[in-house]
Amino acid sequence: MHIETTKKFDKQFKKLPAKLQKDFARRIELFIDELNHSLLHTHKLSGTLKGLWSFNVTADIRVIFDDSYEDVLILVAIGSHSELYG
């Protein structure tokens, strides 16, 4: 699987504290190994984000991703629940 990021994701990621960036690095490895690991709470999104998915980095930090392309995972956005869905 090849992972790509959007400019929006890159910009949001750079603003995260170093600890959250490290947490993300651990979670993306877990995600690659086991997409539906219970710690990730991977789920489909609805409403304006229909067609996209989300997984947890921490209790409040989420990653929104698009897996609709064969062998390519696009990381769309990262941030707190309220930033992404509020």
Protein backbone atom coordinates (compact mmCIF):
# COMPACT_ATOMS: atom_id res chain seq x y z
CA MET A 1 0.00 0.00 0.00
CA HIS A 2 1.27 3.44 -0.97
CA ILE A 3 0.42 6.39 1.31
CA GLU A 4 -0.02 9.94 0.03
CA THR A 5 -1.00 13.10 1.87
CA THR A 6 -2.92 16.19 0.89
CA LYS A 7 -1.52 19.70 1.35
CA LYS A 8 -4.18 20.22 4.03
CA PHE A 9 -2.97 17.16 5.95
CA ASP A 10 0.67 18.27 5.69
CA LYS A 11 -0.15 21.75 6.98
CA GLN A 12 -2.20 20.39 9.90
CA PHE A 13 0.44 17.79 10.75
CA LYS A 14 3.23 20.38 10.94
CA LYS A 15 1.20 22.34 13.51
CA LEU A 16 0.86 19.32 15.83
CA PRO A 17 3.09 19.11 18.92
CA ALA A 18 6.04 16.69 18.58
CA LYS A 19 4.38 14.20 20.95
CA LEU A 20 1.28 13.97 18.75
CA GLN A 21 3.46 13.57 15.66
CA LYS A 22 5.15 10.60 17.37
CA ASP A 23 1.76 9.20 18.40
CA PHE A 24 0.68 9.47 14.77
CA ALA A 25 3.81 7.62 13.58
CA ARG A 26 2.99 4.71 15.91
CA ARG A 27 -0.66 4.64 14.88
CA ILE A 28 0.02 4.74 11.15
CA GLU A 29 2.31 1.70 11.56
CA LEU A 30 -0.46 -0.07 13.45
CA PHE A 31 -2.94 0.97 10.77
CA ILE A 32 -0.75 -0.43 8.00
CA ASP A 33 -0.34 -3.73 9.86
CA GLU A 34 -3.99 -4.10 10.86
CA LEU A 35 -6.49 -1.68 9.34
CA ASN A 36 -9.24 -2.49 11.82
CA HIS A 37 -7.20 -2.76 15.03
CA SER A 38 -9.42 -2.01 18.04
CA LEU A 39 -7.18 0.88 19.19
CA LEU A 40 -7.80 2.73 15.94
CA HIS A 41 -11.62 2.72 15.97
CA THR A 42 -11.59 2.83 12.16
CA HIS A 43 -14.99 3.83 10.80
CA LYS A 44 -16.82 5.23 7.76
CA LEU A 45 -17.84 8.86 7.85
CA SER A 46 -21.20 10.28 6.84
CA GLY A 47 -22.69 13.62 5.91
CA THR A 48 -20.36 16.00 4.08
CA LEU A 49 -17.49 13.53 4.58
CA LYS A 50 -19.37 10.56 3.14
CA GLY A 51 -17.00 8.25 1.26
CA LEU A 52 -14.11 8.95 3.63
CA TRP A 53 -12.93 7.07 6.70
CA SER A 54 -11.38 7.99 10.04
CA PHE A 55 -9.10 6.43 12.63
CA ASN A 56 -8.00 7.59 16.07
CA VAL A 57 -4.48 8.73 16.92
CA THR A 58 -5.49 9.61 20.50
CA ALA A 59 -8.85 9.89 22.22
CA ASP A 60 -9.40 13.27 20.52
CA ILE A 61 -7.02 13.38 17.52
CA ARG A 62 -8.35 11.81 14.32
CA VAL A 63 -7.05 11.14 10.83
CA ILE A 64 -9.45 11.35 7.91
CA PHE A 65 -8.44 9.21 4.95
CA ASP A 66 -9.60 8.11 1.52
CA ASP A 67 -9.09 4.49 0.56
CA SER A 68 -11.14 4.49 -2.63
CA TYR A 69 -8.07 4.09 -4.86
CA GLU A 70 -6.46 0.72 -5.44
CA ASP A 71 -3.21 0.34 -3.46
CA VAL A 72 -3.18 4.05 -2.51
CA LEU A 73 -4.25 5.52 0.81
CA ILE A 74 -4.70 9.28 0.90
CA LEU A 75 -4.42 11.01 4.28
CA VAL A 76 -6.83 13.94 3.92
CA ALA A 77 -6.79 15.68 7.31
CA ILE A 78 -5.61 15.35 10.92
CA GLY A 79 -6.85 17.19 13.98
CA SER A 80 -9.11 17.13 16.99
CA HIS A 81 -12.65 15.85 16.72
CA SER A 82 -14.04 19.38 17.01
CA GLU A 83 -11.63 20.78 14.39
CA LEU A 84 -12.49 18.11 11.85
CA TYR A 85 -16.21 17.59 12.43
CA GLY A 86 -17.31 20.76 14.28
